N, C-alpha and C. Protein backbone atom coordinates (compact mmCIF):
# COMPACT_ATOMS: atom_id res chain seq x y z
N MET A 1 -19.49 21.52 -76.47
CA MET A 1 -20.58 20.65 -76.81
C MET A 1 -20.41 19.32 -76.08
N SER A 2 -21.46 18.74 -75.63
CA SER A 2 -21.43 17.49 -74.89
C SER A 2 -21.75 16.32 -75.82
N PHE A 3 -20.90 15.30 -75.77
CA PHE A 3 -21.08 14.11 -76.57
C PHE A 3 -21.28 12.90 -75.67
N LYS A 4 -21.56 11.75 -76.27
CA LYS A 4 -21.64 10.51 -75.51
C LYS A 4 -20.28 10.26 -74.86
N PRO A 5 -20.25 9.50 -73.76
CA PRO A 5 -18.97 9.21 -73.11
C PRO A 5 -17.97 8.58 -74.08
N GLY A 6 -16.74 9.07 -74.04
CA GLY A 6 -15.68 8.54 -74.90
C GLY A 6 -15.61 9.18 -76.27
N PHE A 7 -16.54 10.08 -76.59
CA PHE A 7 -16.53 10.76 -77.88
C PHE A 7 -16.00 12.18 -77.71
N ILE A 8 -15.32 12.66 -78.74
CA ILE A 8 -14.78 14.01 -78.75
C ILE A 8 -15.07 14.66 -80.10
N ALA A 9 -14.91 15.96 -80.16
CA ALA A 9 -15.01 16.65 -81.45
C ALA A 9 -13.77 16.28 -82.26
N PRO A 10 -13.90 16.03 -83.54
CA PRO A 10 -12.72 15.69 -84.36
C PRO A 10 -11.68 16.80 -84.33
N PRO A 11 -10.39 16.43 -84.34
CA PRO A 11 -9.33 17.44 -84.32
C PRO A 11 -9.05 18.05 -85.69
N TRP A 12 -9.86 17.74 -86.67
CA TRP A 12 -9.74 18.29 -88.01
C TRP A 12 -10.96 19.15 -88.29
N PRO A 13 -10.94 19.96 -89.33
CA PRO A 13 -12.12 20.79 -89.64
C PRO A 13 -13.36 19.89 -89.79
N HIS A 14 -14.44 20.31 -89.16
CA HIS A 14 -15.65 19.49 -89.15
C HIS A 14 -16.89 20.37 -88.98
N THR A 15 -18.03 19.76 -89.19
CA THR A 15 -19.30 20.43 -88.98
C THR A 15 -19.61 20.42 -87.49
N PRO A 16 -20.07 21.51 -86.92
CA PRO A 16 -20.42 21.52 -85.50
C PRO A 16 -21.38 20.37 -85.16
N GLY A 17 -21.08 19.69 -84.10
CA GLY A 17 -21.90 18.56 -83.66
C GLY A 17 -21.31 17.22 -84.06
N ASP A 18 -20.33 17.21 -84.99
CA ASP A 18 -19.67 15.96 -85.36
C ASP A 18 -18.86 15.46 -84.18
N SER A 19 -18.72 14.15 -84.10
CA SER A 19 -17.90 13.56 -83.03
C SER A 19 -17.20 12.31 -83.55
N VAL A 20 -16.18 11.91 -82.83
CA VAL A 20 -15.42 10.71 -83.14
C VAL A 20 -15.09 10.03 -81.81
N ARG A 21 -15.05 8.69 -81.83
CA ARG A 21 -14.66 7.97 -80.61
C ARG A 21 -13.18 8.17 -80.39
N ALA A 22 -12.80 8.59 -79.20
CA ALA A 22 -11.40 8.83 -78.90
C ALA A 22 -10.58 7.56 -79.06
N ASP A 23 -11.09 6.42 -78.62
CA ASP A 23 -10.32 5.18 -78.75
C ASP A 23 -10.15 4.76 -80.20
N SER A 24 -11.12 5.05 -81.03
CA SER A 24 -11.00 4.75 -82.46
C SER A 24 -9.92 5.60 -83.11
N LEU A 25 -9.86 6.85 -82.74
CA LEU A 25 -8.83 7.76 -83.26
C LEU A 25 -7.45 7.29 -82.81
N ILE A 26 -7.32 6.88 -81.56
CA ILE A 26 -6.04 6.41 -81.03
C ILE A 26 -5.64 5.11 -81.71
N LEU A 27 -6.57 4.21 -81.92
CA LEU A 27 -6.28 2.95 -82.60
C LEU A 27 -5.77 3.21 -84.02
N SER A 28 -6.34 4.17 -84.69
CA SER A 28 -5.89 4.54 -86.04
C SER A 28 -4.45 5.03 -86.00
N ILE A 29 -4.13 5.83 -85.00
CA ILE A 29 -2.76 6.34 -84.84
C ILE A 29 -1.81 5.18 -84.55
N GLU A 30 -2.23 4.24 -83.71
CA GLU A 30 -1.40 3.08 -83.40
C GLU A 30 -1.11 2.26 -84.65
N LYS A 31 -2.13 2.02 -85.46
CA LYS A 31 -1.93 1.24 -86.69
C LYS A 31 -0.96 1.94 -87.63
N LYS A 32 -1.08 3.24 -87.74
CA LYS A 32 -0.19 4.01 -88.60
C LYS A 32 1.25 3.92 -88.10
N ALA A 33 1.45 3.91 -86.80
CA ALA A 33 2.79 3.87 -86.22
C ALA A 33 3.49 2.53 -86.44
N HIS A 34 2.72 1.48 -86.66
CA HIS A 34 3.33 0.17 -86.91
C HIS A 34 4.16 0.16 -88.18
N HIS A 35 3.80 0.98 -89.14
CA HIS A 35 4.53 1.05 -90.40
C HIS A 35 5.78 1.89 -90.20
N GLY A 36 6.91 1.30 -90.43
CA GLY A 36 8.16 2.04 -90.34
C GLY A 36 8.84 1.99 -89.00
N CYS A 37 8.30 1.22 -88.04
CA CYS A 37 8.97 1.17 -86.73
C CYS A 37 10.02 0.07 -86.67
N GLY A 38 10.05 -0.82 -87.66
CA GLY A 38 11.05 -1.87 -87.69
C GLY A 38 10.99 -2.80 -86.50
N LEU A 39 9.83 -2.95 -85.93
CA LEU A 39 9.60 -3.81 -84.76
C LEU A 39 10.38 -3.36 -83.53
N HIS A 40 10.69 -2.10 -83.47
CA HIS A 40 11.33 -1.53 -82.27
C HIS A 40 10.25 -0.84 -81.45
N ASP A 41 10.05 -1.31 -80.24
CA ASP A 41 9.02 -0.73 -79.38
C ASP A 41 9.25 0.75 -79.13
N GLU A 42 10.51 1.14 -78.97
CA GLU A 42 10.82 2.54 -78.67
C GLU A 42 10.44 3.45 -79.83
N ILE A 43 10.66 2.99 -81.06
CA ILE A 43 10.31 3.79 -82.23
C ILE A 43 8.80 3.87 -82.35
N TYR A 44 8.14 2.73 -82.19
CA TYR A 44 6.68 2.69 -82.26
C TYR A 44 6.07 3.63 -81.21
N HIS A 45 6.51 3.50 -79.98
CA HIS A 45 5.97 4.31 -78.89
C HIS A 45 6.18 5.80 -79.15
N HIS A 46 7.35 6.14 -79.65
CA HIS A 46 7.66 7.54 -79.95
C HIS A 46 6.74 8.08 -81.05
N HIS A 47 6.55 7.28 -82.10
CA HIS A 47 5.67 7.72 -83.18
C HIS A 47 4.24 7.92 -82.69
N VAL A 48 3.75 6.99 -81.87
CA VAL A 48 2.39 7.11 -81.35
C VAL A 48 2.27 8.37 -80.48
N LEU A 49 3.20 8.54 -79.55
CA LEU A 49 3.12 9.71 -78.67
C LEU A 49 3.23 11.02 -79.45
N SER A 50 4.04 11.05 -80.48
CA SER A 50 4.16 12.26 -81.30
C SER A 50 2.83 12.59 -81.95
N GLU A 51 2.17 11.59 -82.51
CA GLU A 51 0.87 11.81 -83.15
C GLU A 51 -0.19 12.19 -82.11
N LEU A 52 -0.19 11.50 -80.98
CA LEU A 52 -1.19 11.79 -79.95
C LEU A 52 -1.05 13.21 -79.43
N THR A 53 0.17 13.67 -79.21
CA THR A 53 0.35 15.03 -78.71
C THR A 53 -0.05 16.06 -79.77
N GLY A 54 0.14 15.73 -81.04
CA GLY A 54 -0.31 16.60 -82.11
C GLY A 54 -1.83 16.74 -82.11
N VAL A 55 -2.52 15.63 -81.92
CA VAL A 55 -3.98 15.66 -81.84
C VAL A 55 -4.42 16.44 -80.61
N LEU A 56 -3.77 16.14 -79.49
CA LEU A 56 -4.11 16.79 -78.22
C LEU A 56 -4.05 18.31 -78.33
N ALA A 57 -3.07 18.81 -79.07
CA ALA A 57 -2.90 20.25 -79.22
C ALA A 57 -4.07 20.91 -79.95
N ASN A 58 -4.84 20.12 -80.70
CA ASN A 58 -5.94 20.67 -81.48
C ASN A 58 -7.31 20.45 -80.83
N LEU A 59 -7.32 20.01 -79.59
CA LEU A 59 -8.60 19.73 -78.91
C LEU A 59 -8.90 20.80 -77.87
N CYS A 60 -10.19 21.01 -77.64
CA CYS A 60 -10.59 21.91 -76.56
C CYS A 60 -10.25 21.22 -75.23
N PRO A 61 -10.17 21.97 -74.13
CA PRO A 61 -9.76 21.38 -72.86
C PRO A 61 -10.60 20.17 -72.41
N SER A 62 -11.91 20.22 -72.57
CA SER A 62 -12.71 19.08 -72.10
C SER A 62 -12.46 17.85 -72.97
N ASP A 63 -12.34 18.02 -74.28
CA ASP A 63 -12.04 16.90 -75.15
C ASP A 63 -10.62 16.40 -74.92
N ALA A 64 -9.69 17.30 -74.63
CA ALA A 64 -8.31 16.91 -74.35
C ALA A 64 -8.26 16.02 -73.11
N GLY A 65 -9.07 16.33 -72.11
CA GLY A 65 -9.12 15.50 -70.91
C GLY A 65 -9.60 14.09 -71.22
N ILE A 66 -10.65 13.99 -72.00
CA ILE A 66 -11.19 12.68 -72.39
C ILE A 66 -10.15 11.93 -73.21
N PHE A 67 -9.55 12.61 -74.17
CA PHE A 67 -8.55 11.99 -75.04
C PHE A 67 -7.36 11.48 -74.21
N GLY A 68 -6.90 12.26 -73.26
CA GLY A 68 -5.79 11.85 -72.40
C GLY A 68 -6.14 10.65 -71.55
N GLN A 69 -7.36 10.59 -71.04
CA GLN A 69 -7.79 9.44 -70.23
C GLN A 69 -7.84 8.17 -71.07
N VAL A 70 -8.39 8.28 -72.26
CA VAL A 70 -8.48 7.11 -73.14
C VAL A 70 -7.08 6.66 -73.57
N ALA A 71 -6.21 7.60 -73.88
CA ALA A 71 -4.83 7.26 -74.25
C ALA A 71 -4.13 6.55 -73.08
N ALA A 72 -4.33 7.03 -71.86
CA ALA A 72 -3.71 6.41 -70.69
C ALA A 72 -4.21 4.98 -70.49
N ARG A 73 -5.50 4.76 -70.74
CA ARG A 73 -6.03 3.39 -70.64
C ARG A 73 -5.40 2.47 -71.68
N ARG A 74 -4.97 3.03 -72.78
CA ARG A 74 -4.31 2.23 -73.84
C ARG A 74 -2.79 2.18 -73.61
N GLY A 75 -2.30 2.78 -72.51
CA GLY A 75 -0.89 2.70 -72.17
C GLY A 75 -0.04 3.87 -72.65
N PHE A 76 -0.67 4.93 -73.11
CA PHE A 76 0.07 6.09 -73.60
C PHE A 76 -0.22 7.30 -72.72
N HIS A 77 0.74 7.64 -71.87
CA HIS A 77 0.59 8.78 -70.98
C HIS A 77 1.15 10.00 -71.71
N LEU A 78 0.40 11.09 -71.67
CA LEU A 78 0.75 12.27 -72.45
C LEU A 78 1.33 13.40 -71.62
N ASP A 79 1.91 13.05 -70.48
CA ASP A 79 2.54 14.07 -69.64
C ASP A 79 3.98 14.31 -70.13
N ASP A 80 4.55 15.40 -69.70
CA ASP A 80 5.89 15.79 -70.16
C ASP A 80 6.95 14.73 -69.85
N ASN A 81 6.88 14.11 -68.68
CA ASN A 81 7.87 13.10 -68.30
C ASN A 81 7.81 11.89 -69.23
N ALA A 82 6.62 11.41 -69.55
CA ALA A 82 6.47 10.25 -70.43
C ALA A 82 6.95 10.59 -71.84
N ILE A 83 6.65 11.78 -72.30
CA ILE A 83 7.07 12.20 -73.64
C ILE A 83 8.59 12.32 -73.71
N GLN A 84 9.18 12.90 -72.69
CA GLN A 84 10.63 13.04 -72.66
C GLN A 84 11.30 11.67 -72.59
N ALA A 85 10.79 10.76 -71.77
CA ALA A 85 11.35 9.41 -71.67
C ALA A 85 11.25 8.68 -73.01
N SER A 86 10.14 8.84 -73.68
CA SER A 86 9.97 8.22 -74.99
C SER A 86 10.96 8.79 -75.99
N HIS A 87 11.16 10.08 -75.96
CA HIS A 87 12.10 10.73 -76.88
C HIS A 87 13.52 10.24 -76.63
N LEU A 88 13.91 10.12 -75.38
CA LEU A 88 15.25 9.64 -75.05
C LEU A 88 15.44 8.19 -75.50
N ALA A 89 14.43 7.34 -75.26
CA ALA A 89 14.51 5.94 -75.68
C ALA A 89 14.59 5.84 -77.20
N TYR A 90 13.83 6.66 -77.89
CA TYR A 90 13.85 6.70 -79.35
C TYR A 90 15.25 7.08 -79.86
N ASN A 91 15.81 8.14 -79.30
CA ASN A 91 17.14 8.58 -79.73
C ASN A 91 18.20 7.52 -79.46
N GLU A 92 18.11 6.86 -78.33
CA GLU A 92 19.06 5.80 -78.01
C GLU A 92 18.92 4.63 -78.99
N THR A 93 17.71 4.24 -79.29
CA THR A 93 17.47 3.16 -80.24
C THR A 93 17.99 3.52 -81.62
N MET A 94 17.73 4.73 -82.06
CA MET A 94 18.21 5.16 -83.37
C MET A 94 19.73 5.19 -83.42
N THR A 95 20.37 5.61 -82.34
CA THR A 95 21.83 5.60 -82.27
C THR A 95 22.35 4.18 -82.37
N ASN A 96 21.72 3.25 -81.65
CA ASN A 96 22.14 1.84 -81.70
C ASN A 96 21.96 1.25 -83.10
N ILE A 97 20.86 1.59 -83.74
CA ILE A 97 20.62 1.10 -85.10
C ILE A 97 21.70 1.63 -86.05
N LYS A 98 22.02 2.91 -85.94
CA LYS A 98 23.05 3.50 -86.81
C LYS A 98 24.41 2.88 -86.56
N GLU A 99 24.73 2.60 -85.29
CA GLU A 99 26.02 1.98 -84.96
C GLU A 99 26.08 0.56 -85.50
N ASP A 100 24.98 -0.16 -85.48
CA ASP A 100 24.95 -1.53 -85.99
C ASP A 100 25.11 -1.57 -87.50
N ASP A 101 24.69 -0.50 -88.17
CA ASP A 101 24.78 -0.44 -89.63
C ASP A 101 26.19 -0.11 -90.12
N ILE A 102 26.99 0.41 -89.22
CA ILE A 102 28.35 0.84 -89.61
C ILE A 102 29.28 -0.34 -89.72
């Protein structure tokens, strides 16, 4: 189904023809990630990318392309290299936090 530019079908159960702005969905994910990140950019970035890839997995290919473009404009690249780098930075940060607590 074709929507206005920047709109995609919701990644949750919906009525055919429903749409959501991709940037609005991403902003919601970003706000959610702020809670519990402890002001660590690596943790925040990892949480956002984890949520974004979860959404991406539930989109049709054309909506996934739009979603990926909008995410990239907001600074979140959803390719394997970016996800792996984020995961490594997250693990390193968590290790440092645990060592500081000891």
